[in-house]
Each structure stands twice: as structure tokens, then as C-alpha cells.
Amino acid sequence: MHDTLLIALYSFLGAAATGLVGAGALRLVRRRSLTTSLTVVAAVGVVAMLAGTLAVAWAMFLSPHDLSVVTTVVAMAAVVSLATALVLGRWVVARSHELAVAARSFGDGGAFYAPDGPATAELDALARELAATSARLAQSRERERALETSRRELVAWISHDLRTPLAGLRAMAEALEDGVATDPDRYLKQIRTEVERLNDMVGDLFELSRIHAGTLPLSPSRISLYDLVGDALAGADPLAREHGVRLIGDHVEPVPVEVDSKEMSRVLGNLLVNAIRRTPPDGTVAITAEQSPEGVVLSVTDGCGGIPDEDLGRVFDTGWRGTHARTPPAGAGLGLAIVRGIVEAHQGRTTVRNIPGGCRFEVTLPTAP
């Protein structure tokens, strides 16, 4: 038992000394190729075995012949271990290089495709993560392209919408200044109308900029849907009468919600104004509010005749108007974008779908606790 303990002690000391040297060597080559690190690890294992064997042999006074046999056996093991480490290291490095080349492709705007052939579990997991990252980057690029297109269209449309009323205001102001206006009161009334339109447009742009910047201030309070819808209907009633459209507020449940009443009133107002302007005279615009398993659902139904299927996905995009007109009631194409931004700021969602004779806009909000 005493001899066994001595053998174990000498073996441990010899192997430990080799391990410390190997750790230092690994630290020195940590920035080198993986093949070098694997070779060092294999060499440490073999040299540790040799050091432990030699320490035991020296302590037990083995004969030179026995010592030479042990050394030869360990040397052959070292050769095989180092060769295996080199082969394995070169294979792993080659596989890593293939992954690096594939990753460079989606970094340059392409898609990532994992190299064919077997791989270690770690490299295979890395390939899956790179594929998932490539898919997310592709989606981000697509969203960025869509947003950039939307921004360009918005700038072009807003420039046109600003230029037209400004040119009219300048012409009317010059006519009034030169005293050639045949009906000054009508000119003044028209100037006020155009100024209010420009003011509304600037307000919408400011609201949209705060939404996109994530700085829209919200002051949630508990309020009944019945009161919210009632206020929205009262505000839209004059416009509905002007266009000869019937407003209906059936199936409005007094469900409590926790929202910013001012911003949510703007949501309902935008939806109702949009629906009234798109509905022909003698048409009907209906608003409902009810509880559902997904939350509280507010819906506005109009008689616009429906939206083309190819445009359904763009309805809430900034600048979308659904018409090539640049004059009212087309507007600046900001109302529905503001609706989506405000609803999403309340952790809700907006959808639209066609129904017989028109379309239905739905706003889903979380149920108040």
C-alpha cells in the first residue's frame, strides 16, 4: 500500500509539472490556429504520461532495459497522439474556414447556406445560429427597404401637398394685396381653410415623428369603451352629416380599458373620418366595441367598396392613400399610420379586411386588469 501511494505521488508530481508547462504553452499560443492548440493538448497528455512514468521509474530504480521499453511505448503513443491531433485540428480548422466563408456571404447582403458534410456538434450549432441570423438580417433588410421606399414616397407627397396650398395662399394673398380680388371675404375664408389644412398636416407629421422615435407620451387611465366611442361618434357626426353618411354605434359594450383617452380618441377619430370620406352618400359607417378572448376589439366598418388585395398589407404604411389623388379627401396618407403607431404604443394591434360592400378596420387592445 505504501509503494502504491509513492507511485501515485510521483506520477502526480511529474504529470502536474507537465500540465503547468502545457498551460503556459496554451496561453502563449491562444491566438494561433486551433490545430496548434490541439497539438499542444495532445503533447501535454503524452509528456505528462512520460514524466509520470520516468518519475516512478527513477524512484523504483528500474533497469535501463525496462526504462527503455517504457520510453519507447510512450514515444509511439506520442507519435500517434500528435498525428491524430494534427489531423483533427486541420479538419476542424477547414470546417471553421468554410463557415467563415459562408458567413461572409450574408454579411455582404446575401444569404447564409451551411456547408455540406459532417461537423462537430459545436460547429453544427454555430451553423444553425448563423442561418437563423441570416434569416433575421434578410427580414430586417426587407423592412428597411420598405421603410425607405415609404419615406421617399412620403417626402414626395408631402412636398406636393405643401407646395399646392402654399402656391394658392400666395396667389390669394397677392390678389388681396393688389386689390384685384373680386370677393375678398371668400378669399379670406379659403386662406383660413388652407392654413388649417396645413396646420393639421404639420401636426400629423409631428405626431408621426414622435411615434417613430418611440417618444410618444402616454397617460393611461381607466375608461369605459362606451364613453370613448360616444365621444368619437359625437366628434365625427358633423362630417358624416356633411357627406350624407349614417353613423351607427351599435353593439358597444361598456368594457373598461386602460388607455390614453386623448390618443385613443385620435385613433377612433382618424378611423371614422377615413371611413366617412371613403363611403358614398347614403352609405353607413358602423362602429362596434366588444370583449373577445384576445382582448377588447374596436371595429369600424365602412362602405368604400373594398380595398384591392395587393394593397391590404400597405394600408397602415406611412404615405399610403389608396388613390393617386393629391387633394382631399385623399389627405397626406398619415392618418392610418398614426392609428397603428398609437395602438402599438398601447401594446395592441391593428388589422383590416374586406367585407361585402366595404372593409372593416379592427383595433385590438389589452383588457384592463
Protein backbone atom coordinates (compact mmCIF):
# COMPACT_ATOMS: atom_id res chain seq x y z
CA MET A 1 0.00 0.00 0.00
CA HIS A 2 2.89 2.32 0.83
CA ASP A 3 4.54 1.64 -2.56
CA THR A 4 1.26 2.36 -4.36
CA LEU A 5 0.95 5.71 -2.65
CA LEU A 6 4.51 6.61 -3.59
CA ILE A 7 3.88 5.61 -7.21
CA ALA A 8 0.73 7.73 -7.29
CA LEU A 9 2.53 10.69 -5.70
CA TYR A 10 5.49 10.58 -8.13
CA SER A 11 3.16 10.15 -11.11
CA PHE A 12 1.05 13.09 -9.99
CA LEU A 13 4.03 15.35 -9.45
CA GLY A 14 5.51 14.56 -12.85
CA ALA A 15 2.17 14.98 -14.63
CA ALA A 16 1.36 18.19 -12.70
CA ALA A 17 4.66 19.78 -13.66
CA THR A 18 3.99 18.92 -17.30
CA GLY A 19 0.44 20.26 -17.03
CA LEU A 20 1.66 23.60 -15.71
CA VAL A 21 4.14 23.89 -18.56
CA GLY A 22 1.39 22.94 -21.03
CA ALA A 23 -0.96 25.57 -19.58
CA GLY A 24 1.72 28.19 -20.11
CA ALA A 25 2.25 26.98 -23.67
CA LEU A 26 -1.52 27.14 -24.37
CA ARG A 27 -1.59 30.70 -23.09
CA LEU A 28 1.22 31.65 -25.44
CA VAL A 29 -0.49 30.09 -28.50
CA ARG A 30 -4.07 31.09 -27.61
CA ARG A 31 -4.25 33.42 -30.63
CA ARG A 32 -2.87 30.83 -33.04
CA SER A 33 -4.73 28.22 -35.05
CA LEU A 34 -6.91 25.59 -33.38
CA THR A 35 -4.57 22.96 -34.84
CA THR A 36 -1.71 24.34 -32.74
CA SER A 37 -3.82 24.25 -29.57
CA LEU A 38 -4.92 20.66 -30.19
CA THR A 39 -1.31 19.65 -30.82
CA VAL A 40 -0.24 21.25 -27.54
CA VAL A 41 -3.07 19.48 -25.68
CA ALA A 42 -2.09 16.10 -27.18
CA ALA A 43 1.58 16.73 -26.41
CA VAL A 44 0.76 17.66 -22.81
CA GLY A 45 -1.13 14.40 -22.32
CA VAL A 46 1.68 12.28 -23.72
CA VAL A 47 4.51 14.16 -21.98
CA ALA A 48 2.58 14.05 -18.69
CA MET A 49 2.37 10.28 -19.02
CA LEU A 50 6.08 10.09 -19.87
CA ALA A 51 7.04 12.40 -16.98
CA GLY A 52 4.99 10.36 -14.53
CA THR A 53 6.46 7.11 -15.85
CA LEU A 54 10.02 8.39 -15.66
CA ALA A 55 9.45 9.70 -12.13
CA VAL A 56 8.16 6.30 -11.00
CA ALA A 57 10.97 4.52 -12.81
CA TRP A 58 13.58 6.71 -11.15
CA ALA A 59 12.00 6.19 -7.72
CA MET A 60 11.76 2.41 -8.17
CA PHE A 61 15.24 2.09 -9.72
CA LEU A 62 14.03 0.28 -12.86
CA SER A 63 16.68 -1.34 -15.03
CA PRO A 64 17.87 0.54 -18.11
CA HIS A 65 16.20 -2.07 -20.33
CA ASP A 66 12.81 -1.69 -18.67
CA LEU A 67 13.13 2.09 -18.77
CA SER A 68 13.92 1.99 -22.48
CA VAL A 69 10.89 -0.23 -23.15
CA VAL A 70 8.58 2.12 -21.27
CA THR A 71 10.06 5.14 -23.05
CA THR A 72 9.63 3.51 -26.46
CA VAL A 73 5.99 2.66 -25.75
CA VAL A 74 5.26 6.21 -24.61
CA ALA A 75 7.11 7.67 -27.65
CA MET A 76 4.97 5.60 -30.05
CA ALA A 77 1.85 6.77 -28.23
CA ALA A 78 3.11 10.34 -28.57
CA VAL A 79 3.57 9.98 -32.32
CA VAL A 80 0.06 8.57 -32.79
CA SER A 81 -1.50 11.21 -30.49
CA LEU A 82 0.24 14.11 -32.21
CA ALA A 83 -0.68 12.82 -35.66
CA THR A 84 -4.30 12.41 -34.59
CA ALA A 85 -4.34 15.91 -33.11
CA LEU A 86 -2.94 17.38 -36.32
CA VAL A 87 -5.49 15.60 -38.50
CA LEU A 88 -8.37 16.52 -36.21
CA GLY A 89 -7.17 20.09 -35.90
CA ARG A 90 -6.84 20.55 -39.66
CA TRP A 91 -10.33 19.11 -40.18
CA VAL A 92 -11.90 21.41 -37.60
CA VAL A 93 -10.00 24.42 -38.97
CA ALA A 94 -11.11 23.61 -42.52
CA ARG A 95 -14.70 23.33 -41.36
CA SER A 96 -14.40 26.64 -39.50
CA HIS A 97 -12.96 28.28 -42.61
CA GLU A 98 -15.93 27.04 -44.66
CA LEU A 99 -18.30 28.53 -42.09
CA ALA A 100 -16.40 31.83 -42.18
CA VAL A 101 -16.68 31.99 -45.99
CA ALA A 102 -20.41 31.18 -45.82
CA ALA A 103 -20.94 33.79 -43.09
CA ARG A 104 -19.16 36.42 -45.18
CA SER A 105 -21.76 35.96 -47.92
CA PHE A 106 -24.74 37.05 -45.79
CA GLY A 107 -22.66 39.79 -44.22
CA ASP A 108 -22.29 41.22 -47.75
CA GLY A 109 -26.05 41.13 -48.31
CA GLY A 110 -26.53 37.54 -49.45
CA ALA A 111 -28.00 34.52 -47.71
CA PHE A 112 -26.21 32.01 -45.49
CA TYR A 113 -26.04 28.37 -46.54
CA ALA A 114 -24.33 25.90 -44.22
CA PRO A 115 -21.50 23.91 -45.85
CA ASP A 116 -22.23 20.28 -46.67
CA GLY A 117 -20.55 17.46 -44.82
CA PRO A 118 -20.22 16.29 -41.21
CA ALA A 119 -19.29 18.69 -38.45
CA THR A 120 -18.83 18.70 -34.72
CA ALA A 121 -21.85 19.43 -32.54
CA GLU A 122 -20.49 22.89 -31.70
CA LEU A 123 -19.87 23.82 -35.34
CA ASP A 124 -23.26 22.44 -36.33
CA ALA A 125 -24.93 24.57 -33.63
CA LEU A 126 -22.96 27.59 -34.86
CA ALA A 127 -24.15 26.94 -38.42
CA ARG A 128 -27.77 26.85 -37.25
CA GLU A 129 -27.34 30.12 -35.37
CA LEU A 130 -25.75 31.73 -38.43
CA ALA A 131 -28.64 30.53 -40.61
CA ALA A 132 -31.17 32.00 -38.16
CA THR A 133 -29.21 35.26 -38.02
CA SER A 134 -29.10 35.37 -41.82
CA ALA A 135 -32.89 34.99 -41.98
CA ARG A 136 -33.38 37.78 -39.45
CA LEU A 137 -30.98 40.05 -41.35
CA ALA A 138 -32.87 39.37 -44.58
CA GLN A 139 -36.13 40.34 -42.90
CA SER A 140 -34.51 43.49 -41.49
CA ARG A 141 -33.17 44.45 -44.92
CA GLU A 142 -36.61 43.94 -46.42
CA ARG A 143 -38.21 46.10 -43.73
CA GLU A 144 -35.52 48.74 -44.22
CA ARG A 145 -36.13 48.80 -47.97
CA ALA A 146 -39.88 49.10 -47.43
CA LEU A 147 -39.40 51.90 -44.89
CA GLU A 148 -37.00 53.73 -47.18
CA THR A 149 -39.47 53.47 -50.07
CA SER A 150 -42.23 54.69 -47.78
CA ARG A 151 -40.10 57.63 -46.63
CA ARG A 152 -39.29 58.64 -50.21
CA GLU A 153 -42.95 58.49 -51.19
CA LEU A 154 -43.91 60.45 -48.08
CA VAL A 155 -41.37 63.18 -48.78
CA ALA A 156 -42.56 63.44 -52.39
CA TRP A 157 -46.22 63.53 -51.40
CA ILE A 158 -45.75 65.96 -48.53
CA SER A 159 -43.69 68.24 -50.78
CA HIS A 160 -46.53 68.25 -53.30
CA ASP A 161 -49.18 68.72 -50.63
CA LEU A 162 -47.28 71.67 -49.15
CA ARG A 163 -46.43 73.26 -52.48
CA THR A 164 -50.01 73.27 -53.78
CA PRO A 165 -51.71 75.11 -50.87
CA LEU A 166 -48.74 77.42 -50.43
CA ALA A 167 -48.96 78.44 -54.08
CA GLY A 168 -52.69 79.06 -53.66
CA LEU A 169 -52.13 81.07 -50.48
CA ARG A 170 -49.51 83.17 -52.22
CA ALA A 171 -51.79 83.85 -55.19
CA MET A 172 -54.73 84.81 -52.97
CA ALA A 173 -52.54 86.99 -50.76
CA GLU A 174 -51.16 88.80 -53.81
CA ALA A 175 -54.69 89.28 -55.16
CA LEU A 176 -55.81 90.77 -51.85
CA GLU A 177 -52.69 92.93 -51.64
CA ASP A 178 -53.16 94.27 -55.20
CA GLY A 179 -56.88 94.86 -54.63
CA VAL A 180 -57.93 92.68 -57.56
CA ALA A 181 -59.85 90.10 -55.51
CA THR A 182 -63.47 90.15 -56.63
CA ASP A 183 -64.71 88.61 -53.36
CA PRO A 184 -62.23 89.33 -50.52
CA ASP A 185 -64.36 87.54 -47.92
CA ARG A 186 -64.30 84.32 -49.95
CA TYR A 187 -60.54 84.64 -50.38
CA LEU A 188 -60.05 85.12 -46.64
CA LYS A 189 -62.24 82.12 -45.89
CA GLN A 190 -60.27 80.00 -48.35
CA ILE A 191 -56.97 81.19 -46.86
CA ARG A 192 -58.14 80.16 -43.40
CA THR A 193 -59.21 76.73 -44.72
CA GLU A 194 -55.82 76.15 -46.34
CA VAL A 195 -53.98 77.30 -43.22
CA GLU A 196 -55.99 74.88 -41.07
CA ARG A 197 -55.22 72.08 -43.51
CA LEU A 198 -51.51 72.88 -43.36
CA ASN A 199 -51.67 73.05 -39.57
CA ASP A 200 -53.31 69.62 -39.42
CA MET A 201 -50.66 68.21 -41.75
CA VAL A 202 -47.82 69.59 -39.63
CA GLY A 203 -49.50 68.20 -36.50
CA ASP A 204 -49.77 64.77 -38.09
CA LEU A 205 -46.09 64.86 -39.10
CA PHE A 206 -45.07 65.83 -35.58
CA GLU A 207 -47.19 63.04 -34.09
CA LEU A 208 -45.78 60.50 -36.52
CA SER A 209 -42.20 61.58 -35.79
CA ARG A 210 -42.78 61.04 -32.05
CA ILE A 211 -44.28 57.61 -32.74
CA HIS A 212 -41.33 56.54 -34.89
CA ALA A 213 -38.86 57.89 -32.32
CA GLY A 214 -40.63 56.00 -29.52
CA THR A 215 -41.19 59.22 -27.58
CA LEU A 216 -44.98 59.38 -27.75
CA PRO A 217 -46.07 60.41 -24.23
CA LEU A 218 -48.93 58.29 -22.87
CA SER A 219 -51.00 58.93 -19.76
CA PRO A 220 -53.13 55.79 -19.37
CA SER A 221 -56.29 55.97 -17.33
CA ARG A 222 -59.20 53.62 -16.81
CA ILE A 223 -62.12 54.49 -19.10
CA SER A 224 -65.21 52.75 -20.47
CA LEU A 225 -65.37 51.91 -24.15
CA TYR A 226 -68.91 53.22 -24.16
CA ASP A 227 -67.74 56.73 -23.27
CA LEU A 228 -64.78 56.55 -25.66
CA VAL A 229 -66.92 55.51 -28.61
CA GLY A 230 -69.66 58.02 -27.72
CA ASP A 231 -67.21 60.92 -27.77
CA ALA A 232 -65.74 59.75 -31.11
CA LEU A 233 -69.21 59.50 -32.69
CA ALA A 234 -70.15 62.96 -31.45
CA GLY A 235 -66.98 64.42 -32.93
CA ALA A 236 -67.46 62.74 -36.34
CA ASP A 237 -71.19 63.44 -36.63
CA PRO A 238 -70.87 66.88 -38.36
CA LEU A 239 -68.59 65.43 -41.06
CA ALA A 240 -70.97 62.49 -41.55
CA ARG A 241 -73.93 64.86 -42.00
CA GLU A 242 -71.93 66.91 -44.50
CA HIS A 243 -71.22 63.80 -46.58
CA GLY A 244 -74.70 62.33 -46.14
CA VAL A 245 -73.36 59.24 -44.33
CA ARG A 246 -75.17 57.48 -41.47
CA LEU A 247 -73.18 56.83 -38.30
CA ILE A 248 -74.15 53.77 -36.26
CA GLY A 249 -72.77 52.88 -32.84
CA ASP A 250 -74.43 49.52 -32.16
CA HIS A 251 -73.05 46.68 -30.03
CA VAL A 252 -70.84 48.92 -27.90
CA GLU A 253 -70.18 47.10 -24.65
CA PRO A 254 -69.25 49.16 -21.56
CA VAL A 255 -65.95 47.31 -21.21
CA PRO A 256 -63.21 49.12 -19.24
CA VAL A 257 -59.85 49.74 -20.90
CA GLU A 258 -56.70 51.38 -19.62
CA VAL A 259 -55.57 53.77 -22.36
CA ASP A 260 -54.58 57.35 -23.01
CA SER A 261 -58.05 58.73 -23.75
CA LYS A 262 -56.72 61.64 -25.85
CA GLU A 263 -54.60 59.44 -28.11
CA MET A 264 -57.25 56.72 -28.37
CA SER A 265 -59.85 59.34 -29.29
CA ARG A 266 -57.50 60.34 -32.09
CA VAL A 267 -57.37 56.71 -33.24
CA LEU A 268 -61.14 56.42 -33.40
CA GLY A 269 -61.45 59.88 -34.96
CA ASN A 270 -58.97 59.01 -37.73
CA LEU A 271 -60.73 55.73 -38.46
CA LEU A 272 -64.16 57.36 -38.55
CA VAL A 273 -63.02 60.28 -40.72
CA ASN A 274 -61.30 57.88 -43.11
CA ALA A 275 -64.43 55.69 -43.28
CA ILE A 276 -66.80 58.64 -43.81
CA ARG A 277 -64.71 60.12 -46.61
CA ARG A 278 -64.49 56.76 -48.40
CA THR A 279 -68.18 55.92 -48.04
CA PRO A 280 -70.57 57.23 -50.73
CA PRO A 281 -73.62 59.35 -49.77
CA ASP A 282 -76.48 57.43 -48.14
CA GLY A 283 -73.89 54.87 -47.02
CA THR A 284 -73.35 53.63 -43.48
CA VAL A 285 -70.36 53.70 -41.16
CA ALA A 286 -70.72 51.46 -38.10
CA ILE A 287 -68.55 51.20 -35.02
CA THR A 288 -68.66 48.34 -32.52
CA ALA A 289 -66.78 47.53 -29.34
CA GLU A 290 -66.82 44.19 -27.61
CA GLN A 291 -64.85 41.84 -25.41
CA SER A 292 -63.08 38.90 -27.02
CA PRO A 293 -60.66 36.19 -25.84
CA GLU A 294 -57.79 38.21 -27.37
CA GLY A 295 -58.77 41.45 -25.60
CA VAL A 296 -61.03 44.37 -26.40
CA VAL A 297 -61.90 44.76 -30.10
CA LEU A 298 -62.97 48.08 -31.63
CA SER A 299 -64.13 47.83 -35.25
CA VAL A 300 -65.10 50.47 -37.81
CA THR A 301 -66.98 49.25 -40.89
CA ASP A 302 -67.44 51.42 -43.98
CA GLY A 303 -68.98 51.20 -47.44
CA CYS A 304 -65.91 52.02 -49.51
CA GLY A 305 -66.42 49.04 -51.81
CA GLY A 306 -63.34 47.21 -50.56
CA ILE A 307 -59.57 47.51 -50.84
CA PRO A 308 -57.58 45.69 -53.55
CA ASP A 309 -55.92 42.57 -52.17
CA GLU A 310 -52.47 43.79 -53.18
CA ASP A 311 -52.95 46.93 -51.06
CA LEU A 312 -54.32 45.31 -47.90
CA GLY A 313 -50.81 44.87 -46.48
CA ARG A 314 -49.94 48.55 -47.11
CA VAL A 315 -53.00 50.23 -45.62
CA PHE A 316 -51.22 51.25 -42.40
CA ASP A 317 -47.96 52.23 -44.11
CA THR A 318 -46.84 55.84 -43.92
CA GLY A 319 -47.97 57.73 -47.01
CA TRP A 320 -50.48 55.15 -48.28
CA ARG A 321 -53.62 56.80 -49.61
CA GLY A 322 -55.38 54.16 -51.68
CA THR A 323 -55.67 56.69 -54.51
CA HIS A 324 -53.36 58.70 -56.73
CA ALA A 325 -55.22 61.90 -55.90
CA ARG A 326 -53.25 64.61 -54.12
CA THR A 327 -56.23 66.62 -52.93
CA PRO A 328 -58.78 65.99 -50.19
CA PRO A 329 -60.21 63.59 -49.26
CA ALA A 330 -57.02 61.70 -50.07
CA GLY A 331 -55.13 63.54 -47.34
CA ALA A 332 -51.42 63.17 -46.67
CA GLY A 333 -51.56 59.43 -46.03
CA LEU A 334 -50.62 59.78 -42.37
CA GLY A 335 -53.88 59.06 -40.53
CA LEU A 336 -53.80 55.27 -40.60
CA ALA A 337 -50.04 55.20 -39.91
CA ILE A 338 -50.72 57.28 -36.80
CA VAL A 339 -53.52 54.88 -35.84
CA ARG A 340 -51.16 51.91 -35.98
CA GLY A 341 -48.41 53.73 -34.08
CA ILE A 342 -50.71 54.79 -31.24
CA VAL A 343 -52.31 51.34 -30.96
CA GLU A 344 -48.94 49.59 -30.90
CA ALA A 345 -47.77 52.04 -28.22
CA HIS A 346 -50.71 50.67 -26.15
CA GLN A 347 -49.47 47.09 -26.77
CA GLY A 348 -52.32 46.49 -29.20
CA ARG A 349 -52.59 45.70 -32.90
CA THR A 350 -54.48 46.91 -35.96
CA THR A 351 -55.93 44.84 -38.81
CA VAL A 352 -58.10 45.45 -41.86
CA ARG A 353 -60.11 43.07 -44.02
CA ASN A 354 -62.62 43.32 -46.82
CA ILE A 355 -66.32 42.62 -46.23
CA PRO A 356 -69.23 42.69 -48.69
CA GLY A 357 -69.52 46.29 -49.90
CA GLY A 358 -66.65 47.73 -47.91
CA CYS A 359 -63.94 46.95 -45.36
CA ARG A 360 -63.56 46.64 -41.62
CA PHE A 361 -60.76 48.14 -39.55
CA GLU A 362 -60.20 46.45 -36.21
CA VAL A 363 -58.23 47.66 -33.20
CA THR A 364 -57.42 45.07 -30.52
CA LEU A 365 -56.39 46.40 -27.10
CA PRO A 366 -55.38 44.57 -23.93
CA THR A 367 -58.15 44.09 -21.41
CA ALA A 368 -57.89 46.37 -18.39
CA PRO A 369 -56.88 44.49 -15.21
